[in-house]
């Protein structure tokens, strides 16, 4: 009798269990939770991990049961794993509450606020989850205290067909999982847009450097909207680049421009002196010279412009300056016969031992001229028959800077054999001695050459 009664009770228990399982047709977690096939229960979704840029303005994201919070970077989080305050099952499910307290340092004052998090009901079974948060002022860092809510309860046997919300589909483990519309290609984003997958949905965004105007993504004209370039801005697809004017180069931040010191890049930009200027350079020349073709120096002929020579003086220009010489350079017993030519009269007894004539000539050479170098030619103006002419440097060559080379019976060439540095003046007497073949006639003439060496090599 007892054995029969036990069999009847076991059969009723099995029937009741089957009836209970058959009433379950689908399972679904509320917003902020997802099904855990391993633990066979709903688990909290970490929105801070999956939502791109969940918090803005330098705030940090803190995951919360069924949602998340955005708090300052200095917030301090203290988790209190206490049991939920109350759990009351009902026909539709039971509720679980989670509380969080936040305190922030705002000086002596502050604000306080409270609110309820989103809640939802599981159709056909489950729980309703809710969360309350309170914000109050304090003296120290932000503090969060929260009590985790019980995960949503679902039937232990998910073998039956489940019904998933829009944006979700049934997986091989018989749970609802998110549909990645971007990967599946089921989104409706335009070709110029980027598809971003979300939980249960998707969104269409414009790529970096573009902005949405209506339904289209158009390139931002950064050079007009927010020109950050110091000088020149060029818009390119999705971005912009900065360039500098001539004489400038981009700095390390790729926005500002720095002046290029051209004078440091090369020592051959200017013939004399390079002067750096903002965005450019200029060349300067010493006194007595002027800039030509922007970089080279040319001698100024002061004798054609302005000079201080008297009326009885003649102006002689040389490289870098000028000199004033007497218009009549003759000294007794010589007399002036033509320009710069002095003759000693034969009738004057003093002239018997002196050169018959002295001719004054002037020339200018640049400093540090290369040697050897032919610089001046002397030639007889009167040729006598049956005579022999010889040439020599009579004076002014004490340091052997010059050499006189005879080039023909009536001419010779003055050669510079040592480099000269100026400014300096040399007076060299070049003598031509003439004798007849019989040795009965002898005469001489002198060319007094004034050589002015300029102060520079140009």
Protein backbone atom coordinates (compact mmCIF):
# COMPACT_ATOMS: atom_id res chain seq x y z
CA UNK A 1 0.00 0.00 0.00
CA UNK A 2 2.78 2.39 0.91
CA UNK A 3 4.70 1.45 -2.24
CA UNK A 4 1.69 2.14 -4.45
CA UNK A 5 1.13 5.50 -2.76
CA UNK A 6 4.78 6.44 -3.39
CA UNK A 7 4.50 5.62 -7.10
CA UNK A 8 1.37 7.73 -7.43
CA UNK A 9 3.06 10.74 -5.76
CA UNK A 10 6.19 10.42 -7.98
CA UNK A 11 4.06 10.32 -11.12
CA UNK A 12 2.19 13.48 -10.05
CA UNK A 13 5.49 15.24 -9.36
CA UNK A 14 6.83 14.42 -12.84
CA UNK A 15 3.63 15.60 -14.49
CA UNK A 16 3.74 18.86 -12.52
CA UNK A 17 7.40 19.38 -13.50
CA UNK A 18 6.63 18.83 -17.19
CA UNK A 19 3.73 21.25 -17.02
CA UNK A 20 6.00 23.88 -15.50
CA UNK A 21 8.62 23.50 -18.24
CA UNK A 22 6.05 23.57 -21.02
CA UNK A 23 4.80 26.99 -19.88
CA UNK A 24 8.23 28.45 -20.69
CA UNK A 25 8.30 29.50 -24.36
CA UNK A 26 11.17 32.04 -24.45
CA UNK A 27 13.76 33.79 -22.28
CA UNK A 28 14.97 37.40 -22.46
CA UNK A 29 17.12 39.64 -20.25
CA UNK A 30 16.17 43.24 -19.50
CA UNK A 31 18.13 46.22 -20.86
CA UNK A 32 21.65 46.32 -19.52
CA UNK A 33 21.87 42.51 -19.13
CA UNK A 34 22.67 39.60 -21.45
CA UNK A 35 22.31 35.84 -21.19
CA UNK A 36 25.26 33.88 -19.79
CA UNK A 37 25.09 30.36 -21.32
CA UNK A 38 27.70 29.03 -18.88
CA UNK A 39 26.08 30.20 -15.67
CA UNK A 40 22.60 29.87 -17.21
CA UNK A 41 21.52 33.31 -15.99
CA UNK A 42 21.48 36.96 -17.03
CA UNK A 43 24.69 38.92 -16.45
CA UNK A 44 25.41 42.65 -16.43
CA UNK A 45 26.72 44.25 -19.68
CA UNK A 46 29.89 46.34 -19.27
CA UNK A 47 28.88 49.37 -21.36
CA UNK A 48 32.19 51.09 -20.58
CA UNK A 49 33.95 48.34 -22.52
CA UNK A 50 31.71 48.17 -25.58
CA UNK A 51 30.30 51.69 -26.07
CA UNK A 52 32.79 53.90 -27.94
CA UNK A 53 33.51 57.13 -26.03
CA UNK A 54 30.77 56.45 -23.51
CA UNK A 55 31.72 59.53 -21.47
CA UNK A 56 32.75 62.92 -22.84
CA UNK A 57 34.46 65.98 -21.47
CA UNK A 58 37.28 64.20 -19.67
CA UNK A 59 34.91 62.10 -17.54
CA UNK A 60 35.61 58.47 -16.79
CA UNK A 61 33.14 55.65 -17.32
CA UNK A 62 32.14 53.46 -14.37
CA UNK A 63 30.08 50.36 -15.11
CA UNK A 64 26.90 49.99 -13.08
CA UNK A 65 24.41 47.15 -12.84
CA UNK A 66 22.08 47.61 -15.78
CA UNK A 67 23.90 50.78 -16.97
CA UNK A 68 26.93 52.98 -16.35
CA UNK A 69 27.94 56.29 -14.76
CA UNK A 70 30.16 59.14 -16.00
CA UNK A 71 32.32 60.58 -13.20
CA UNK A 72 35.35 62.89 -12.93
CA UNK A 73 38.79 61.33 -13.32
CA UNK A 74 39.49 61.93 -9.61
CA UNK A 75 36.49 59.87 -8.48
CA UNK A 76 37.20 57.15 -5.93
CA UNK A 77 35.01 54.05 -6.16
CA UNK A 78 34.19 51.92 -3.10
CA UNK A 79 32.14 48.81 -3.88
CA UNK A 80 29.88 47.42 -1.13
CA UNK A 81 28.90 43.87 -1.96
CA UNK A 82 25.91 43.80 0.33
CA UNK A 83 22.78 41.82 -0.41
CA UNK A 84 19.93 43.59 -2.17
CA UNK A 85 17.66 45.43 0.20
CA UNK A 86 14.59 43.54 -0.88
CA UNK A 87 13.57 40.92 -3.37
CA UNK A 88 9.90 40.23 -3.76
CA UNK A 89 8.82 37.66 -6.37
CA UNK A 90 5.50 38.10 -8.07
CA UNK A 91 3.47 36.61 -10.91
CA UNK A 92 5.54 38.59 -13.46
CA UNK A 93 8.81 38.37 -11.58
CA UNK A 94 10.62 39.82 -8.62
CA UNK A 95 12.42 43.16 -8.33
CA UNK A 96 16.01 43.74 -7.32
CA UNK A 97 17.37 47.15 -6.42
CA UNK A 98 20.89 48.45 -6.61
CA UNK A 99 21.94 51.60 -4.84
CA UNK A 100 24.90 53.89 -5.45
CA UNK A 101 26.09 56.94 -3.53
CA UNK A 102 28.49 59.52 -5.02
CA UNK A 103 30.21 62.28 -3.08
CA UNK A 104 32.32 64.99 -4.70
CA UNK A 105 34.57 67.75 -3.43
CA UNK A 106 33.07 71.07 -4.46
CA UNK A 107 34.45 73.33 -1.76
CA UNK A 108 31.93 74.20 0.87
CA UNK A 109 28.86 73.78 -1.26
CA UNK A 110 27.49 71.33 -3.78
CA UNK A 111 24.46 69.82 -5.42
CA UNK A 112 22.36 66.78 -4.67
CA UNK A 113 20.30 64.72 -7.06
CA UNK A 114 18.61 61.35 -7.14
CA UNK A 115 16.97 59.28 -9.83
CA UNK A 116 15.82 55.83 -10.80
CA UNK A 117 17.56 53.79 -13.46
CA UNK A 118 15.63 52.16 -16.30
CA UNK A 119 13.71 49.05 -15.46
CA UNK A 120 12.05 46.38 -17.56
CA UNK A 121 9.92 43.27 -17.25
CA UNK A 122 10.70 39.91 -18.78
CA UNK A 123 7.76 38.66 -20.80
CA UNK A 124 6.58 35.29 -19.59
CA UNK A 125 8.90 35.19 -16.59
CA UNK A 126 11.98 36.75 -15.01
CA UNK A 127 12.50 39.78 -12.82
CA UNK A 128 12.15 43.55 -12.98
CA UNK A 129 15.50 45.25 -12.28
CA UNK A 130 15.85 48.82 -11.06
CA UNK A 131 18.66 51.02 -9.73
CA UNK A 132 18.66 54.18 -7.64
CA UNK A 133 21.55 56.68 -7.45
CA UNK A 134 22.05 59.58 -5.05
CA UNK A 135 24.63 62.41 -5.45
CA UNK A 136 25.70 64.43 -2.43
CA UNK A 137 28.58 66.82 -1.67
CA UNK A 138 31.63 66.01 0.38
CA UNK A 139 35.12 67.24 1.11
CA UNK A 140 37.21 64.56 -0.55
CA UNK A 141 37.24 62.66 -3.85
CA UNK A 142 34.20 61.14 -5.48
CA UNK A 143 32.99 57.99 -3.73
CA UNK A 144 30.56 55.42 -5.16
CA UNK A 145 28.87 52.78 -3.06
CA UNK A 146 26.61 50.29 -4.78
CA UNK A 147 24.74 47.11 -3.98
CA UNK A 148 24.65 44.70 -6.89
CA UNK A 149 21.22 43.52 -7.91
CA UNK A 150 20.56 39.86 -8.37
CA UNK A 151 20.98 38.83 -12.00
CA UNK A 152 17.77 38.12 -13.79
CA UNK A 153 16.47 34.69 -13.23
CA UNK A 154 15.48 32.61 -16.15
CA UNK A 155 14.37 29.01 -16.40
CA UNK A 156 17.14 26.46 -16.06
CA UNK A 157 16.18 24.61 -19.22
CA UNK A 158 16.51 26.79 -22.35
CA UNK A 159 15.90 23.90 -24.72
CA UNK A 160 12.72 25.43 -26.13
CA UNK A 161 12.64 27.96 -28.98
CA UNK A 162 13.22 31.49 -27.70
CA UNK A 163 11.92 34.77 -29.07
CA UNK A 164 14.58 37.51 -29.37
CA UNK A 165 14.09 41.27 -29.49
CA UNK A 166 14.72 43.28 -32.63
CA UNK A 167 18.44 43.39 -33.40
CA UNK A 168 19.11 40.05 -31.72
CA UNK A 169 19.05 36.48 -32.99
CA UNK A 170 19.09 33.00 -31.47
CA UNK A 171 22.55 31.46 -31.19
CA UNK A 172 23.54 27.82 -31.33
CA UNK A 173 23.47 27.84 -27.53
CA UNK A 174 19.81 28.84 -27.69
CA UNK A 175 20.43 32.36 -26.34
CA UNK A 176 19.78 35.79 -27.83
CA UNK A 177 22.91 37.42 -29.23
CA UNK A 178 23.45 40.76 -30.95
CA UNK A 179 23.25 40.90 -34.74
CA UNK A 180 26.28 42.73 -36.23
CA UNK A 181 24.51 44.51 -39.06
CA UNK A 182 27.79 46.12 -40.17
CA UNK A 183 29.50 42.76 -40.73
CA UNK A 184 26.41 41.07 -42.12
CA UNK A 185 25.83 43.90 -44.58
CA UNK A 186 22.22 44.36 -43.52
CA UNK A 187 22.68 48.02 -42.61
CA UNK A 188 21.47 50.88 -44.76
CA UNK A 189 24.46 53.22 -44.37
CA UNK A 190 25.49 55.14 -47.45
CA UNK A 191 28.73 54.38 -49.28
CA UNK A 192 30.32 57.55 -47.87
CA UNK A 193 29.39 56.61 -44.30
CA UNK A 194 30.87 54.26 -41.73
CA UNK A 195 28.69 51.64 -40.04
CA UNK A 196 29.13 51.34 -36.25
CA UNK A 197 27.56 48.29 -34.60
CA UNK A 198 25.57 48.79 -31.40
CA UNK A 199 23.81 46.36 -29.05
CA UNK A 200 20.62 45.46 -30.87
CA UNK A 201 21.14 48.11 -33.54
CA UNK A 202 23.70 50.11 -35.53
CA UNK A 203 24.47 53.71 -36.41
CA UNK A 204 25.86 55.45 -39.48
CA UNK A 205 28.67 57.97 -38.96
CA UNK A 206 30.86 60.08 -41.21
CA UNK A 207 34.58 59.25 -41.36
CA UNK A 208 37.06 61.62 -39.68
CA UNK A 209 37.40 64.91 -41.51
CA UNK A 210 33.82 64.76 -42.79
CA UNK A 211 30.58 66.06 -41.40
CA UNK A 212 26.98 65.08 -42.05
CA UNK A 213 24.86 67.46 -44.06
CA UNK A 214 21.44 66.00 -44.60
CA UNK A 215 22.04 62.43 -45.62
CA UNK A 216 25.49 63.02 -47.11
CA UNK A 217 28.98 63.19 -45.63
CA UNK A 218 30.85 66.20 -46.98
CA UNK A 219 34.49 67.13 -46.55
CA UNK A 220 35.03 69.76 -43.87
CA UNK A 221 36.72 72.81 -45.34
CA UNK A 222 39.06 73.18 -42.33
CA UNK A 223 40.94 76.11 -43.88
CA UNK A 224 37.80 78.27 -43.80
CA UNK A 225 36.08 76.90 -40.73
CA UNK A 226 38.94 76.73 -38.24
CA UNK A 227 42.19 77.68 -39.92
CA UNK A 228 44.99 76.73 -37.53
CA UNK A 229 47.83 77.33 -39.98
CA UNK A 230 50.11 80.28 -39.29
CA UNK A 231 50.51 81.13 -42.97
CA UNK A 232 49.11 78.92 -45.75
CA UNK A 233 46.39 76.28 -45.38
CA UNK A 234 45.53 73.69 -48.03
CA UNK A 235 42.44 71.54 -47.68
CA UNK A 236 42.73 67.86 -48.59
CA UNK A 237 40.18 65.08 -48.41
CA UNK A 238 39.32 64.52 -44.79
CA UNK A 239 42.03 66.80 -43.43
CA UNK A 240 44.30 69.78 -44.19
CA UNK A 241 47.98 70.61 -44.41
CA UNK A 242 49.89 73.76 -43.57
CA UNK A 243 52.60 75.31 -45.68
CA UNK A 244 54.85 78.30 -45.16
CA UNK A 245 55.76 81.25 -47.31
CA UNK A 246 59.13 81.41 -48.98
CA UNK A 247 61.83 81.94 -46.40
CA UNK A 248 59.97 80.02 -43.68
CA UNK A 249 59.71 76.36 -42.72
CA UNK A 250 57.14 74.37 -40.74
CA UNK A 251 57.84 73.97 -37.06
CA UNK A 252 57.55 70.65 -35.25
CA UNK A 253 53.82 71.18 -34.55
CA UNK A 254 53.19 71.29 -38.34
CA UNK A 255 51.09 74.43 -37.85
CA UNK A 256 53.43 77.34 -37.18
CA UNK A 257 56.22 78.66 -39.36
CA UNK A 258 59.78 79.47 -38.38
CA UNK A 259 62.09 81.86 -40.19
CA UNK A 260 64.91 80.25 -42.17
CA UNK A 261 68.27 81.85 -41.49
CA UNK A 262 69.57 81.73 -45.05
CA UNK A 263 72.84 83.33 -43.99
CA UNK A 264 73.70 80.21 -41.97
CA UNK A 265 72.91 77.79 -44.76
CA UNK A 266 75.68 79.06 -47.05
CA UNK A 267 78.60 81.46 -46.94
CA UNK A 268 78.36 82.16 -50.68
CA UNK A 269 74.99 83.87 -50.79
CA UNK A 270 76.49 87.35 -50.66
CA UNK A 271 79.78 88.66 -51.97
CA UNK A 272 80.43 90.68 -48.84
CA UNK A 273 77.91 90.36 -45.97
CA UNK A 274 74.60 88.50 -45.57
CA UNK A 275 71.88 89.98 -43.35
CA UNK A 276 69.02 87.71 -42.27
CA UNK A 277 65.51 89.19 -42.27
CA UNK A 278 62.07 87.70 -41.49
CA UNK A 279 61.31 85.40 -44.39
CA UNK A 280 64.25 86.57 -46.49
CA UNK A 281 67.81 87.85 -46.50
CA UNK A 282 69.64 90.79 -48.00
CA UNK A 283 73.23 91.51 -49.00
CA UNK A 284 75.28 94.45 -47.88
CA UNK A 285 78.42 95.97 -49.35
CA UNK A 286 81.17 97.98 -47.65
CA UNK A 287 81.61 101.72 -48.01
CA UNK A 288 82.60 102.66 -51.54
CA UNK A 289 80.58 99.79 -53.06
CA UNK A 290 76.96 99.24 -54.05
CA UNK A 291 74.83 96.09 -54.33
CA UNK A 292 74.13 94.90 -57.87
CA UNK A 293 72.01 91.89 -58.89
CA UNK A 294 70.99 91.54 -55.21
CA UNK A 295 74.17 89.75 -54.13
CA UNK A 296 77.34 91.19 -55.64
CA UNK A 297 79.23 94.38 -54.83
CA UNK A 298 80.30 96.92 -57.42
CA UNK A 299 82.70 99.80 -56.95
CA UNK A 300 81.13 103.26 -56.80
CA UNK A 301 82.90 105.73 -59.09
CA UNK A 302 83.03 108.71 -56.77
CA UNK A 303 84.80 110.76 -59.47
CA UNK A 304 81.59 110.66 -61.51
CA UNK A 305 79.28 111.37 -58.60
CA UNK A 306 80.53 113.29 -55.60
CA UNK A 307 84.15 113.97 -54.59
CA UNK A 308 86.09 116.51 -52.60
CA UNK A 309 88.90 117.22 -55.06
CA UNK A 310 89.88 120.88 -55.71
CA UNK A 311 89.92 122.52 -59.13
CA UNK A 312 93.69 122.17 -59.42
CA UNK A 313 93.39 118.48 -58.61
CA UNK A 314 92.26 115.51 -60.62
CA UNK A 315 90.09 112.70 -59.20
CA UNK A 316 91.27 109.16 -59.59
CA UNK A 317 88.82 106.37 -58.77
CA UNK A 318 90.00 103.03 -57.44
CA UNK A 319 88.28 99.92 -56.03
CA UNK A 320 86.51 101.07 -52.90
CA UNK A 321 87.39 104.78 -52.98
CA UNK A 322 89.08 107.68 -54.78
CA UNK A 323 92.19 109.87 -54.57
CA UNK A 324 92.92 113.48 -55.52
CA UNK A 325 96.16 114.09 -57.44
CA UNK A 326 97.58 117.45 -58.71
CA UNK A 327 96.69 118.25 -62.28
CA UNK A 328 100.28 119.45 -62.78
CA UNK A 329 102.56 116.87 -61.21
CA UNK A 330 105.74 118.38 -62.71
CA UNK A 331 108.49 119.59 -60.40
CA UNK A 332 111.54 121.75 -61.29
CA UNK A 333 113.28 121.56 -63.62
CA UNK A 334 110.43 119.70 -65.41
CA UNK A 335 107.65 121.51 -67.19
CA UNK A 336 104.20 120.21 -68.21
CA UNK A 337 103.94 119.64 -71.97
CA UNK A 338 100.79 117.53 -72.10
CA UNK A 339 98.48 115.81 -69.68
CA UNK A 340 100.54 114.00 -67.04
CA UNK A 341 103.76 114.40 -69.11
CA UNK A 342 106.69 116.36 -67.75
CA UNK A 343 109.78 117.19 -69.87
CA UNK A 344 113.13 118.49 -68.73
CA UNK A 345 114.44 121.12 -71.26
CA UNK A 346 117.80 120.32 -72.87
CA UNK A 347 118.81 123.95 -72.48
CA UNK A 348 118.71 123.55 -68.72
CA UNK A 349 122.04 122.29 -67.41
CA UNK A 350 120.26 120.46 -64.61
CA UNK A 351 118.56 118.19 -67.11
CA UNK A 352 121.75 116.61 -68.37
CA UNK A 353 121.83 114.02 -65.58
CA UNK A 354 118.05 113.57 -65.33
CA UNK A 355 115.60 111.49 -67.36
CA UNK A 356 114.40 113.39 -70.42
CA UNK A 357 110.74 112.91 -69.51
CA UNK A 358 108.53 111.62 -66.73
CA UNK A 359 105.02 110.32 -67.50
CA UNK A 360 102.54 109.92 -64.59
CA UNK A 361 100.12 107.00 -64.75
CA UNK A 362 97.60 105.60 -62.22
CA UNK A 363 96.04 102.19 -61.89
CA UNK A 364 93.94 100.24 -59.36
CA UNK A 365 94.04 96.53 -58.58
CA UNK A 366 91.95 94.41 -56.21
CA UNK A 367 93.32 93.07 -52.96
CA UNK A 368 94.78 89.56 -52.88
CA UNK A 369 95.02 89.25 -56.62
CA UNK A 370 96.32 85.91 -57.84
CA UNK A 371 99.98 85.79 -58.90
CA UNK A 372 101.90 85.86 -61.12
CA UNK A 373 99.82 88.36 -63.01
CA UNK A 374 100.57 90.83 -65.82
CA UNK A 375 99.30 94.21 -64.65
CA UNK A 376 100.86 97.00 -66.81
CA UNK A 377 102.64 97.38 -70.15
CA UNK A 378 105.27 100.07 -70.92
CA UNK A 379 106.13 100.96 -74.53
CA UNK A 380 108.35 103.48 -76.30
CA UNK A 381 106.47 106.31 -78.03
CA UNK A 382 109.41 107.40 -80.22
CA UNK A 383 111.58 104.93 -82.06
CA UNK A 384 115.05 105.99 -83.17
CA UNK A 385 116.99 104.12 -85.87
CA UNK A 386 120.00 102.05 -84.87
CA UNK A 387 119.09 102.21 -81.17
CA UNK A 388 118.71 99.65 -78.44
CA UNK A 389 116.05 99.93 -75.68
CA UNK A 390 116.36 98.33 -72.26
CA UNK A 391 113.82 98.37 -69.40
CA UNK A 392 114.19 98.21 -65.62
CA UNK A 393 112.41 99.00 -62.36
CA UNK A 394 114.27 102.05 -61.11
CA UNK A 395 112.51 102.42 -57.71
CA UNK A 396 109.52 101.31 -55.66
CA UNK A 397 110.30 97.57 -55.69
CA UNK A 398 112.24 97.21 -52.47
CA UNK A 399 110.23 94.11 -51.37
CA UNK A 400 110.37 92.47 -54.81
CA UNK A 401 106.62 92.52 -55.37
CA UNK A 402 107.09 93.28 -59.10
CA UNK A 403 109.09 92.03 -62.05
CA UNK A 404 109.61 93.79 -65.41
CA UNK A 405 109.72 91.41 -68.37
CA UNK A 406 110.77 92.80 -71.79
CA UNK A 407 108.36 91.60 -74.43
CA UNK A 408 109.85 93.32 -77.53
CA UNK A 409 112.65 95.76 -78.46
CA UNK A 410 110.32 98.64 -77.67
CA UNK A 411 108.04 97.29 -74.89
CA UNK A 412 108.00 95.52 -71.52
CA UNK A 413 105.38 94.03 -69.14
CA UNK A 414 105.14 94.71 -65.40
CA UNK A 415 104.36 91.46 -63.59
CA UNK A 416 102.93 91.16 -60.06
CA UNK A 417 104.77 88.30 -58.40
CA UNK A 418 103.56 88.72 -54.79
CA UNK A 419 99.95 89.01 -53.63
CA UNK A 420 99.15 92.46 -52.27
CA UNK A 421 96.60 93.34 -49.59
CA UNK A 422 94.98 96.76 -49.42
CA UNK A 423 94.22 99.42 -48.93
CA UNK A 424 97.72 100.47 -49.93
CA UNK A 425 99.49 102.69 -52.46
CA UNK A 426 102.64 101.77 -54.42
CA UNK A 427 104.68 104.23 -56.58
CA UNK A 428 106.90 102.35 -59.02
CA UNK A 429 109.30 104.07 -61.48
CA UNK A 430 109.73 102.14 -64.73
CA UNK A 431 112.71 103.35 -66.76
CA UNK A 432 113.44 102.88 -70.48
CA UNK A 433 117.10 103.46 -71.42
CA UNK A 434 117.89 104.15 -75.11
CA UNK A 435 121.43 104.01 -76.64
CA UNK A 436 122.62 103.95 -80.29
CA UNK A 437 124.67 101.14 -81.70
CA UNK A 438 127.81 103.29 -81.70
CA UNK A 439 127.41 104.19 -78.05
CA UNK A 440 127.52 107.89 -78.78
CA UNK A 441 123.89 108.60 -77.90
CA UNK A 442 122.21 107.88 -74.59
CA UNK A 443 118.86 108.98 -73.17
CA UNK A 444 116.23 107.75 -70.72
CA UNK A 445 112.58 108.30 -69.84
CA UNK A 446 110.58 107.30 -66.77
CA UNK A 447 106.99 106.14 -66.34
CA UNK A 448 105.94 106.83 -62.75
CA UNK A 449 103.17 104.32 -62.05
CA UNK A 450 100.95 104.80 -58.99
CA UNK A 451 99.32 101.49 -58.03
CA UNK A 452 96.41 101.63 -55.58
CA UNK A 453 95.43 98.28 -54.00
CA UNK A 454 91.78 98.19 -52.99
CA UNK A 455 90.66 96.99 -49.54
CA UNK A 456 88.73 93.95 -50.85
CA UNK A 457 89.09 91.25 -53.45
CA UNK A 458 86.15 92.62 -55.44
